[in-house]
Amino acid sequence: ADSVKGRFTISRDNAWNTVYLQMNSLKLEDTADYYCQ
C-alpha cells in the first residue's frame, strides 16, 4: 500500500511456512489490528 511503502517489508520463509511484516518508522496512523491472509 502507498501508505507503507519504504517503511514496511513483507518477507517469507518457506522452510518455516511463515510470512513476516517488518514495520519500521511506525506512525500513529499505523495503529490497527493486523491480519495475515
PDB file of all heavy atoms in Angstrom:
ATOM      1  N   ALA A   1       0.858  -1.178   0.000  1.00  0.00           N
ATOM      2  CA  ALA A   1       0.000   0.000   0.000  1.00  0.00           C
ATOM      3  C   ALA A   1       0.898   1.233   0.000  1.00  0.00           C
ATOM      4  O   ALA A   1       1.989   1.233   0.590  1.00  0.00           O
ATOM      5  CB  ALA A   1      -0.885  -0.013   1.240  1.00  0.00           C
ATOM      6  N   ASP A   2       0.419   2.287  -0.653  1.00  0.00           N
ATOM      7  CA  ASP A   2       1.222   3.509  -0.730  1.00  0.00           C
ATOM      8  C   ASP A   2       1.578   4.042   0.658  1.00  0.00           C
ATOM      9  O   ASP A   2       2.659   4.601   0.855  1.00  0.00           O
ATOM     10  CB  ASP A   2       0.454   4.579  -1.508  1.00  0.00           C
ATOM     11  CG  ASP A   2       0.389   4.282  -2.993  1.00  0.00           C
ATOM     12  OD1 ASP A   2       1.192   3.448  -3.473  1.00  0.00           O
ATOM     13  OD2 ASP A   2      -0.474   4.864  -3.671  1.00  0.00           O
ATOM     14  N   SER A   3       0.689   3.848   1.600  1.00  0.00           N
ATOM     15  CA  SER A   3       0.879   4.411   2.936  1.00  0.00           C
ATOM     16  C   SER A   3       2.036   3.763   3.702  1.00  0.00           C
ATOM     17  O   SER A   3       2.504   4.333   4.692  1.00  0.00           O
ATOM     18  CB  SER A   3      -0.400   4.281   3.753  1.00  0.00           C
ATOM     19  OG  SER A   3      -0.781   2.914   3.855  1.00  0.00           O
ATOM     20  N   VAL A   4       2.483   2.596   3.259  1.00  0.00           N
ATOM     21  CA  VAL A   4       3.551   1.898   3.992  1.00  0.00           C
ATOM     22  C   VAL A   4       4.817   1.704   3.170  1.00  0.00           C
ATOM     23  O   VAL A   4       5.815   1.193   3.690  1.00  0.00           O
ATOM     24  CB  VAL A   4       3.072   0.529   4.533  1.00  0.00           C
ATOM     25  CG1 VAL A   4       1.797   0.695   5.347  1.00  0.00           C
ATOM     26  CG2 VAL A   4       2.877  -0.477   3.407  1.00  0.00           C
ATOM     27  N   LYS A   5       4.791   2.102   1.913  1.00  0.00           N
ATOM     28  CA  LYS A   5       5.967   1.925   1.055  1.00  0.00           C
ATOM     29  C   LYS A   5       7.183   2.616   1.652  1.00  0.00           C
ATOM     30  O   LYS A   5       7.100   3.760   2.107  1.00  0.00           O
ATOM     31  CB  LYS A   5       5.681   2.481  -0.334  1.00  0.00           C
ATOM     32  CG  LYS A   5       4.881   1.557  -1.222  1.00  0.00           C
ATOM     33  CD  LYS A   5       4.654   2.174  -2.603  1.00  0.00           C
ATOM     34  CE  LYS A   5       3.797   1.260  -3.463  1.00  0.00           C
ATOM     35  NZ  LYS A   5       3.479   1.889  -4.771  1.00  0.00           N
ATOM     36  N   GLY A   6       8.297   1.907   1.645  1.00  0.00           N
ATOM     37  CA  GLY A   6       9.527   2.452   2.191  1.00  0.00           C
ATOM     38  C   GLY A   6       9.677   2.265   3.689  1.00  0.00           C
ATOM     39  O   GLY A   6      10.753   2.513   4.235  1.00  0.00           O
ATOM     40  N   ARG A   7       8.610   1.859   4.361  1.00  0.00           N
ATOM     41  CA  ARG A   7       8.661   1.667   5.821  1.00  0.00           C
ATOM     42  C   ARG A   7       8.440   0.203   6.211  1.00  0.00           C
ATOM     43  O   ARG A   7       9.014  -0.272   7.192  1.00  0.00           O
ATOM     44  CB  ARG A   7       7.602   2.525   6.506  1.00  0.00           C
ATOM     45  CG  ARG A   7       7.751   4.008   6.253  1.00  0.00           C
ATOM     46  CD  ARG A   7       6.798   4.822   7.122  1.00  0.00           C
ATOM     47  NE  ARG A   7       5.394   4.522   6.846  1.00  0.00           N
ATOM     48  CZ  ARG A   7       4.535   4.066   7.746  1.00  0.00           C
ATOM     49  NH1 ARG A   7       4.926   3.845   8.983  1.00  0.00           N
ATOM     50  NH2 ARG A   7       3.268   3.835   7.420  1.00  0.00           N
ATOM     51  N   PHE A   8       7.581  -0.491   5.475  1.00  0.00           N
ATOM     52  CA  PHE A   8       7.251  -1.883   5.797  1.00  0.00           C
ATOM     53  C   PHE A   8       7.891  -2.806   4.758  1.00  0.00           C
ATOM     54  O   PHE A   8       7.996  -2.456   3.573  1.00  0.00           O
ATOM     55  CB  PHE A   8       5.742  -2.102   5.768  1.00  0.00           C
ATOM     56  CG  PHE A   8       4.981  -1.459   6.887  1.00  0.00           C
ATOM     57  CD1 PHE A   8       5.563  -0.530   7.740  1.00  0.00           C
ATOM     58  CD2 PHE A   8       3.645  -1.782   7.092  1.00  0.00           C
ATOM     59  CE1 PHE A   8       4.845   0.058   8.765  1.00  0.00           C
ATOM     60  CE2 PHE A   8       2.907  -1.204   8.123  1.00  0.00           C
ATOM     61  CZ  PHE A   8       3.513  -0.279   8.951  1.00  0.00           C
ATOM     62  N   THR A   9       8.252  -4.000   5.216  1.00  0.00           N
ATOM     63  CA  THR A   9       8.793  -5.014   4.321  1.00  0.00           C
ATOM     64  C   THR A   9       8.129  -6.349   4.615  1.00  0.00           C
ATOM     65  O   THR A   9       8.146  -6.813   5.762  1.00  0.00           O
ATOM     66  CB  THR A   9      10.308  -5.159   4.486  1.00  0.00           C
ATOM     67  OG1 THR A   9      10.941  -3.895   4.233  1.00  0.00           O
ATOM     68  CG2 THR A   9      10.848  -6.204   3.513  1.00  0.00           C
ATOM     69  N   ILE A  10       7.553  -6.945   3.587  1.00  0.00           N
ATOM     70  CA  ILE A  10       6.971  -8.276   3.716  1.00  0.00           C
ATOM     71  C   ILE A  10       7.996  -9.287   3.226  1.00  0.00           C
ATOM     72  O   ILE A  10       8.710  -9.058   2.239  1.00  0.00           O
ATOM     73  CB  ILE A  10       5.642  -8.393   2.932  1.00  0.00           C
ATOM     74  CG1 ILE A  10       4.939  -9.708   3.255  1.00  0.00           C
ATOM     75  CG2 ILE A  10       5.850  -8.204   1.433  1.00  0.00           C
ATOM     76  CD1 ILE A  10       3.510  -9.789   2.692  1.00  0.00           C
ATOM     77  N   SER A  11       8.089 -10.403   3.930  1.00  0.00           N
ATOM     78  CA  SER A  11       9.024 -11.456   3.533  1.00  0.00           C
ATOM     79  C   SER A  11       8.434 -12.806   3.913  1.00  0.00           C
ATOM     80  O   SER A  11       7.441 -12.875   4.649  1.00  0.00           O
ATOM     81  CB  SER A  11      10.385 -11.255   4.197  1.00  0.00           C
ATOM     82  OG  SER A  11      10.280 -11.323   5.606  1.00  0.00           O
ATOM     83  N   ARG A  12       9.044 -13.846   3.401  1.00  0.00           N
ATOM     84  CA  ARG A  12       8.535 -15.176   3.688  1.00  0.00           C
ATOM     85  C   ARG A  12       9.694 -16.138   3.907  1.00  0.00           C
ATOM     86  O   ARG A  12      10.773 -15.965   3.344  1.00  0.00           O
ATOM     87  CB  ARG A  12       7.641 -15.674   2.553  1.00  0.00           C
ATOM     88  CG  ARG A  12       8.326 -15.827   1.216  1.00  0.00           C
ATOM     89  CD  ARG A  12       7.296 -16.052   0.089  1.00  0.00           C
ATOM     90  NE  ARG A  12       6.545 -17.279   0.324  1.00  0.00           N
ATOM     91  CZ  ARG A  12       5.303 -17.472  -0.118  1.00  0.00           C
ATOM     92  NH1 ARG A  12       4.684 -16.530  -0.811  1.00  0.00           N
ATOM     93  NH2 ARG A  12       4.689 -18.620   0.113  1.00  0.00           N
ATOM     94  N   ASP A  13       9.439 -17.152   4.705  1.00  0.00           N
ATOM     95  CA  ASP A  13      10.395 -18.227   4.927  1.00  0.00           C
ATOM     96  C   ASP A  13       9.661 -19.531   4.652  1.00  0.00           C
ATOM     97  O   ASP A  13       8.880 -20.002   5.491  1.00  0.00           O
ATOM     98  CB  ASP A  13      10.923 -18.179   6.364  1.00  0.00           C
ATOM     99  CG  ASP A  13      12.045 -19.175   6.593  1.00  0.00           C
ATOM    100  OD1 ASP A  13      12.090 -20.203   5.879  1.00  0.00           O
ATOM    101  OD2 ASP A  13      12.870 -18.929   7.491  1.00  0.00           O
ATOM    102  N   ASN A  14       9.907 -20.089   3.494  1.00  0.00           N
ATOM    103  CA  ASN A  14       9.186 -21.301   3.103  1.00  0.00           C
ATOM    104  C   ASN A  14       9.559 -22.498   3.973  1.00  0.00           C
ATOM    105  O   ASN A  14       8.770 -23.435   4.114  1.00  0.00           O
ATOM    106  CB  ASN A  14       9.442 -21.611   1.638  1.00  0.00           C
ATOM    107  CG  ASN A  14       8.784 -20.613   0.705  1.00  0.00           C
ATOM    108  OD1 ASN A  14       7.864 -19.875   1.092  1.00  0.00           O
ATOM    109  ND2 ASN A  14       9.256 -20.558  -0.525  1.00  0.00           N
ATOM    110  N   ALA A  15      10.740 -22.475   4.546  1.00  0.00           N
ATOM    111  CA  ALA A  15      11.142 -23.584   5.416  1.00  0.00           C
ATOM    112  C   ALA A  15      10.321 -23.622   6.695  1.00  0.00           C
ATOM    113  O   ALA A  15      10.123 -24.691   7.287  1.00  0.00           O
ATOM    114  CB  ALA A  15      12.616 -23.473   5.744  1.00  0.00           C
ATOM    115  N   TRP A  16       9.854 -22.457   7.112  1.00  0.00           N
ATOM    116  CA  TRP A  16       9.085 -22.354   8.356  1.00  0.00           C
ATOM    117  C   TRP A  16       7.614 -22.050   8.098  1.00  0.00           C
ATOM    118  O   TRP A  16       6.865 -21.816   9.057  1.00  0.00           O
ATOM    119  CB  TRP A  16       9.687 -21.278   9.261  1.00  0.00           C
ATOM    120  CG  TRP A  16      10.974 -21.723   9.868  1.00  0.00           C
ATOM    121  CD1 TRP A  16      12.238 -21.441   9.429  1.00  0.00           C
ATOM    122  CD2 TRP A  16      11.122 -22.546  11.026  1.00  0.00           C
ATOM    123  NE1 TRP A  16      13.168 -22.035  10.249  1.00  0.00           N
ATOM    124  CE2 TRP A  16      12.514 -22.716  11.243  1.00  0.00           C
ATOM    125  CE3 TRP A  16      10.230 -23.147  11.915  1.00  0.00           C
ATOM    126  CZ2 TRP A  16      13.019 -23.473  12.297  1.00  0.00           C
ATOM    127  CZ3 TRP A  16      10.734 -23.895  12.973  1.00  0.00           C
ATOM    128  CH2 TRP A  16      12.118 -24.050  13.142  1.00  0.00           C
ATOM    129  N   ASN A  17       7.206 -22.032   6.833  1.00  0.00           N
ATOM    130  CA  ASN A  17       5.808 -21.759   6.489  1.00  0.00           C
ATOM    131  C   ASN A  17       5.307 -20.464   7.135  1.00  0.00           C
ATOM    132  O   ASN A  17       4.164 -20.395   7.626  1.00  0.00           O
ATOM    133  CB  ASN A  17       4.908 -22.922   6.923  1.00  0.00           C
ATOM    134  CG  ASN A  17       5.243 -24.208   6.204  1.00  0.00           C
ATOM    135  OD1 ASN A  17       5.730 -24.186   5.070  1.00  0.00           O
ATOM    136  ND2 ASN A  17       5.007 -25.331   6.859  1.00  0.00           N
ATOM    137  N   THR A  18       6.162 -19.478   7.122  1.00  0.00           N
ATOM    138  CA  THR A  18       5.871 -18.248   7.859  1.00  0.00           C
ATOM    139  C   THR A  18       6.071 -17.020   6.971  1.00  0.00           C
ATOM    140  O   THR A  18       7.033 -16.966   6.186  1.00  0.00           O
ATOM    141  CB  THR A  18       6.783 -18.153   9.099  1.00  0.00           C
ATOM    142  OG1 THR A  18       6.537 -19.279   9.953  1.00  0.00           O
ATOM    143  CG2 THR A  18       6.513 -16.872   9.875  1.00  0.00           C
ATOM    144  N   VAL A  19       5.182 -16.076   7.126  1.00  0.00           N
ATOM    145  CA  VAL A  19       5.304 -14.790   6.456  1.00  0.00           C
ATOM    146  C   VAL A  19       5.504 -13.723   7.532  1.00  0.00           C
ATOM    147  O   VAL A  19       4.944 -13.826   8.629  1.00  0.00           O
ATOM    148  CB  VAL A  19       4.087 -14.483   5.571  1.00  0.00           C
ATOM    149  CG1 VAL A  19       2.794 -14.443   6.374  1.00  0.00           C
ATOM    150  CG2 VAL A  19       4.283 -13.202   4.768  1.00  0.00           C
ATOM    151  N   TYR A  20       6.312 -12.733   7.195  1.00  0.00           N
ATOM    152  CA  TYR A  20       6.657 -11.685   8.152  1.00  0.00           C
ATOM    153  C   TYR A  20       6.261 -10.312   7.615  1.00  0.00           C
ATOM    154  O   TYR A  20       6.160 -10.115   6.408  1.00  0.00           O
ATOM    155  CB  TYR A  20       8.166 -11.689   8.413  1.00  0.00           C
ATOM    156  CG  TYR A  20       8.696 -12.999   8.920  1.00  0.00           C
ATOM    157  CD1 TYR A  20       9.288 -13.907   8.049  1.00  0.00           C
ATOM    158  CD2 TYR A  20       8.609 -13.327  10.272  1.00  0.00           C
ATOM    159  CE1 TYR A  20       9.784 -15.116   8.510  1.00  0.00           C
ATOM    160  CE2 TYR A  20       9.100 -14.537  10.737  1.00  0.00           C
ATOM    161  CZ  TYR A  20       9.685 -15.426   9.851  1.00  0.00           C
ATOM    162  OH  TYR A  20      10.163 -16.623  10.317  1.00  0.00           O
ATOM    163  N   LEU A  21       6.100  -9.390   8.535  1.00  0.00           N
ATOM    164  CA  LEU A  21       5.929  -7.991   8.166  1.00  0.00           C
ATOM    165  C   LEU A  21       6.817  -7.169   9.096  1.00  0.00           C
ATOM    166  O   LEU A  21       6.527  -7.043  10.282  1.00  0.00           O
ATOM    167  CB  LEU A  21       4.473  -7.547   8.291  1.00  0.00           C
ATOM    168  CG  LEU A  21       4.191  -6.141   7.771  1.00  0.00           C
ATOM    169  CD1 LEU A  21       4.356  -6.086   6.248  1.00  0.00           C
ATOM    170  CD2 LEU A  21       2.771  -5.689   8.148  1.00  0.00           C
ATOM    171  N   GLN A  22       7.907  -6.678   8.544  1.00  0.00           N
ATOM    172  CA  GLN A  22       8.787  -5.800   9.288  1.00  0.00           C
ATOM    173  C   GLN A  22       8.269  -4.375   9.138  1.00  0.00           C
ATOM    174  O   GLN A  22       8.143  -3.881   8.010  1.00  0.00           O
ATOM    175  CB  GLN A  22      10.219  -5.894   8.767  1.00  0.00           C
ATOM    176  CG  GLN A  22      11.196  -4.955   9.440  1.00  0.00           C
ATOM    177  CD  GLN A  22      11.426  -5.304  10.900  1.00  0.00           C
ATOM    178  OE1 GLN A  22      11.570  -6.465  11.252  1.00  0.00           O
ATOM    179  NE2 GLN A  22      11.447  -4.281  11.758  1.00  0.00           N
ATOM    180  N   MET A  23       7.977  -3.738  10.253  1.00  0.00           N
ATOM    181  CA  MET A  23       7.386  -2.400  10.239  1.00  0.00           C
ATOM    182  C   MET A  23       8.348  -1.435  10.918  1.00  0.00           C
ATOM    183  O   MET A  23       8.627  -1.577  12.115  1.00  0.00           O
ATOM    184  CB  MET A  23       6.041  -2.416  10.955  1.00  0.00           C
ATOM    185  CG  MET A  23       5.073  -3.452  10.401  1.00  0.00           C
ATOM    186  SD  MET A  23       3.427  -3.344  11.133  1.00  0.00           S
ATOM    187  CE  MET A  23       3.791  -3.778  12.824  1.00  0.00           C
ATOM    188  N   ASN A  24       8.852  -0.504  10.160  1.00  0.00           N
ATOM    189  CA  ASN A  24       9.777   0.499  10.674  1.00  0.00           C
ATOM    190  C   ASN A  24       9.149   1.890  10.585  1.00  0.00           C
ATOM    191  O   ASN A  24       8.162   2.085   9.875  1.00  0.00           O
ATOM    192  CB  ASN A  24      11.078   0.482   9.882  1.00  0.00           C
ATOM    193  CG  ASN A  24      11.813  -0.846   9.966  1.00  0.00           C
ATOM    194  OD1 ASN A  24      11.730  -1.543  10.985  1.00  0.00           O
ATOM    195  ND2 ASN A  24      12.512  -1.204   8.911  1.00  0.00           N
ATOM    196  N   SER A  25       9.741   2.817  11.297  1.00  0.00           N
ATOM    197  CA  SER A  25       9.269   4.207  11.283  1.00  0.00           C
ATOM    198  C   SER A  25       7.763   4.268  11.490  1.00  0.00           C
ATOM    199  O   SER A  25       7.036   4.949  10.755  1.00  0.00           O
ATOM    200  CB  SER A  25       9.642   4.878   9.955  1.00  0.00           C
ATOM    201  OG  SER A  25      11.037   4.834   9.744  1.00  0.00           O
ATOM    202  N   LEU A  26       7.312   3.563  12.489  1.00  0.00           N
ATOM    203  CA  LEU A  26       5.866   3.479  12.724  1.00  0.00           C
ATOM    204  C   LEU A  26       5.267   4.830  13.060  1.00  0.00           C
ATOM    205  O   LEU A  26       5.876   5.652  13.758  1.00  0.00           O
ATOM    206  CB  LEU A  26       5.582   2.465  13.826  1.00  0.00           C
ATOM    207  CG  LEU A  26       5.667   1.001  13.361  1.00  0.00           C
ATOM    208  CD1 LEU A  26       5.857   0.060  14.533  1.00  0.00           C
ATOM    209  CD2 LEU A  26       4.429   0.634  12.560  1.00  0.00           C
ATOM    210  N   LYS A  27       4.051   5.025  12.565  1.00  0.00           N
ATOM    211  CA  LYS A  27       3.315   6.265  12.761  1.00  0.00           C
ATOM    212  C   LYS A  27       2.045   5.974  13.563  1.00  0.00           C
ATOM    213  O   LYS A  27       1.581   4.832  13.623  1.00  0.00           O
ATOM    214  CB  LYS A  27       2.938   6.879  11.416  1.00  0.00           C
ATOM    215  CG  LYS A  27       4.107   7.141  10.486  1.00  0.00           C
ATOM    216  CD  LYS A  27       3.608   7.673   9.149  1.00  0.00           C
ATOM    217  CE  LYS A  27       4.769   7.948   8.204  1.00  0.00           C
ATOM    218  NZ  LYS A  27       4.294   8.462   6.894  1.00  0.00           N
ATOM    219  N   LEU A  28       1.493   7.028  14.137  1.00  0.00           N
ATOM    220  CA  LEU A  28       0.251   6.852  14.894  1.00  0.00           C
ATOM    221  C   LEU A  28      -0.830   6.187  14.044  1.00  0.00           C
ATOM    222  O   LEU A  28      -1.603   5.355  14.541  1.00  0.00           O
ATOM    223  CB  LEU A  28      -0.238   8.212  15.399  1.00  0.00           C
ATOM    224  CG  LEU A  28       0.656   8.942  16.381  1.00  0.00           C
ATOM    225  CD1 LEU A  28       0.029  10.283  16.763  1.00  0.00           C
ATOM    226  CD2 LEU A  28       0.909   8.113  17.626  1.00  0.00           C
ATOM    227  N   GLU A  29      -0.860   6.549  12.778  1.00  0.00           N
ATOM    228  CA  GLU A  29      -1.905   6.023  11.895  1.00  0.00           C
ATOM    229  C   GLU A  29      -1.686   4.560  11.505  1.00  0.00           C
ATOM    230  O   GLU A  29      -2.528   3.977  10.816  1.00  0.00           O
ATOM    231  CB  GLU A  29      -2.035   6.891  10.634  1.00  0.00           C
ATOM    232  CG  GLU A  29      -0.748   7.117   9.873  1.00  0.00           C
ATOM    233  CD  GLU A  29      -0.073   8.436  10.256  1.00  0.00           C
ATOM    234  OE1 GLU A  29      -0.066   8.795  11.455  1.00  0.00           O
ATOM    235  OE2 GLU A  29       0.455   9.085   9.340  1.00  0.00           O
ATOM    236  N   ASP A  30      -0.604   3.964  11.933  1.00  0.00           N
ATOM    237  CA  ASP A  30      -0.400   2.530  11.720  1.00  0.00           C
ATOM    238  C   ASP A  30      -1.099   1.697  12.791  1.00  0.00           C
ATOM    239  O   ASP A  30      -1.123   0.464  12.704  1.00  0.00           O
ATOM    240  CB  ASP A  30       1.093   2.193  11.712  1.00  0.00           C
ATOM    241  CG  ASP A  30       1.831   2.806  10.538  1.00  0.00           C
ATOM    242  OD1 ASP A  30       1.273   2.806   9.432  1.00  0.00           O
ATOM    243  OD2 ASP A  30       2.955   3.293  10.749  1.00  0.00           O
ATOM    244  N   THR A  31      -1.647   2.350  13.794  1.00  0.00           N
ATOM    245  CA  THR A  31      -2.377   1.639  14.832  1.00  0.00           C
ATOM    246  C   THR A  31      -3.548   0.888  14.224  1.00  0.00           C
ATOM    247  O   THR A  31      -4.392   1.480  13.539  1.00  0.00           O
ATOM    248  CB  THR A  31      -2.873   2.613  15.907  1.00  0.00           C
ATOM    249  OG1 THR A  31      -1.750   3.176  16.591  1.00  0.00           O
ATOM    250  CG2 THR A  31      -3.783   1.917  16.903  1.00  0.00           C
ATOM    251  N   ALA A  32      -3.590  -0.424  14.452  1.00  0.00           N
ATOM    252  CA  ALA A  32      -4.626  -1.265  13.838  1.00  0.00           C
ATOM    253  C   ALA A  32      -4.459  -2.697  14.324  1.00  0.00           C
ATOM    254  O   ALA A  32      -3.439  -3.050  14.927  1.00  0.00           O
ATOM    255  CB  ALA A  32      -4.519  -1.227  12.318  1.00  0.00           C
ATOM    256  N   ASP A  33      -5.466  -3.481  14.011  1.00  0.00           N
ATOM    257  CA  ASP A  33      -5.323  -4.937  14.106  1.00  0.00           C
ATOM    258  C   ASP A  33      -4.798  -5.423  12.760  1.00  0.00           C
ATOM    259  O   ASP A  33      -5.337  -5.058  11.715  1.00  0.00           O
ATOM    260  CB  ASP A  33      -6.661  -5.598  14.422  1.00  0.00           C
ATOM    261  CG  ASP A  33      -7.142  -5.275  15.826  1.00  0.00           C
ATOM    262  OD1 ASP A  33      -6.293  -5.153  16.726  1.00  0.00           O
ATOM    263  OD2 ASP A  33      -8.363  -5.151  16.009  1.00  0.00           O
ATOM    264  N   TYR A  34      -3.762  -6.241  12.804  1.00  0.00           N
ATOM    265  CA  TYR A  34      -3.125  -6.738  11.589  1.00  0.00           C
ATOM    266  C   TYR A  34      -3.444  -8.228  11.411  1.00  0.00           C
ATOM    267  O   TYR A  34      -3.345  -9.003  12.367  1.00  0.00           O
ATOM    268  CB  TYR A  34      -1.614  -6.524  11.672  1.00  0.00           C
ATOM    269  CG  TYR A  34      -1.208  -5.089  11.452  1.00  0.00           C
ATOM    270  CD1 TYR A  34      -1.442  -4.124  12.428  1.00  0.00           C
ATOM    271  CD2 TYR A  34      -0.619  -4.687  10.263  1.00  0.00           C
ATOM    272  CE1 TYR A  34      -1.099  -2.797  12.226  1.00  0.00           C
ATOM    273  CE2 TYR A  34      -0.263  -3.360  10.053  1.00  0.00           C
ATOM    274  CZ  TYR A  34      -0.510  -2.428  11.032  1.00  0.00           C
ATOM    275  OH  TYR A  34      -0.154  -1.115  10.817  1.00  0.00           O
ATOM    276  N   TYR A  35      -3.797  -8.574  10.185  1.00  0.00           N
ATOM    277  CA  TYR A  35      -4.212  -9.931   9.861  1.00  0.00           C
ATOM    278  C   TYR A  35      -3.399 -10.462   8.681  1.00  0.00           C
ATOM    279  O   TYR A  35      -3.174  -9.730   7.712  1.00  0.00           O
ATOM    280  CB  TYR A  35      -5.681  -9.962   9.460  1.00  0.00           C
ATOM    281  CG  TYR A  35      -6.630  -9.438  10.500  1.00  0.00           C
ATOM    282  CD1 TYR A  35      -6.927  -8.083  10.582  1.00  0.00           C
ATOM    283  CD2 TYR A  35      -7.256 -10.304  11.396  1.00  0.00           C
ATOM    284  CE1 TYR A  35      -7.811  -7.590  11.535  1.00  0.00           C
ATOM    285  CE2 TYR A  35      -8.145  -9.825  12.348  1.00  0.00           C
ATOM    286  CZ  TYR A  35      -8.412  -8.475  12.410  1.00  0.00           C
ATOM    287  OH  TYR A  35      -9.280  -8.000  13.359  1.00  0.00           O
ATOM    288  N   CYS A  36      -3.025 -11.723   8.752  1.00  0.00           N
ATOM    289  CA  CYS A  36      -2.479 -12.336   7.546  1.00  0.00           C
ATOM    290  C   CYS A  36      -3.583 -13.116   6.854  1.00  0.00           C
ATOM    291  O   CYS A  36      -4.574 -13.524   7.476  1.00  0.00           O
ATOM    292  CB  CYS A  36      -1.264 -13.206   7.839  1.00  0.00           C
ATOM    293  SG  CYS A  36      -1.566 -14.674   8.793  1.00  0.00           S
ATOM    294  N   GLN A  37      -3.413 -13.270   5.572  1.00  0.00           N
ATOM    295  CA  GLN A  37      -4.463 -13.857   4.732  1.00  0.00           C
ATOM    296  C   GLN A  37      -3.837 -14.655   3.604  1.00  0.00           C
ATOM    297  O   GLN A  37      -2.774 -14.316   3.084  1.00  0.00           O
ATOM    298  CB  GLN A  37      -5.335 -12.736   4.156  1.00  0.00           C
ATOM    299  CG  GLN A  37      -6.504 -13.187   3.300  1.00  0.00           C
ATOM    300  CD  GLN A  37      -6.165 -13.355   1.827  1.00  0.00           C
ATOM    301  OE1 GLN A  37      -5.215 -12.769   1.329  1.00  0.00           O
ATOM    302  NE2 GLN A  37      -6.929 -14.166   1.132  1.00  0.00           N
TER     303      GLN A  37
END
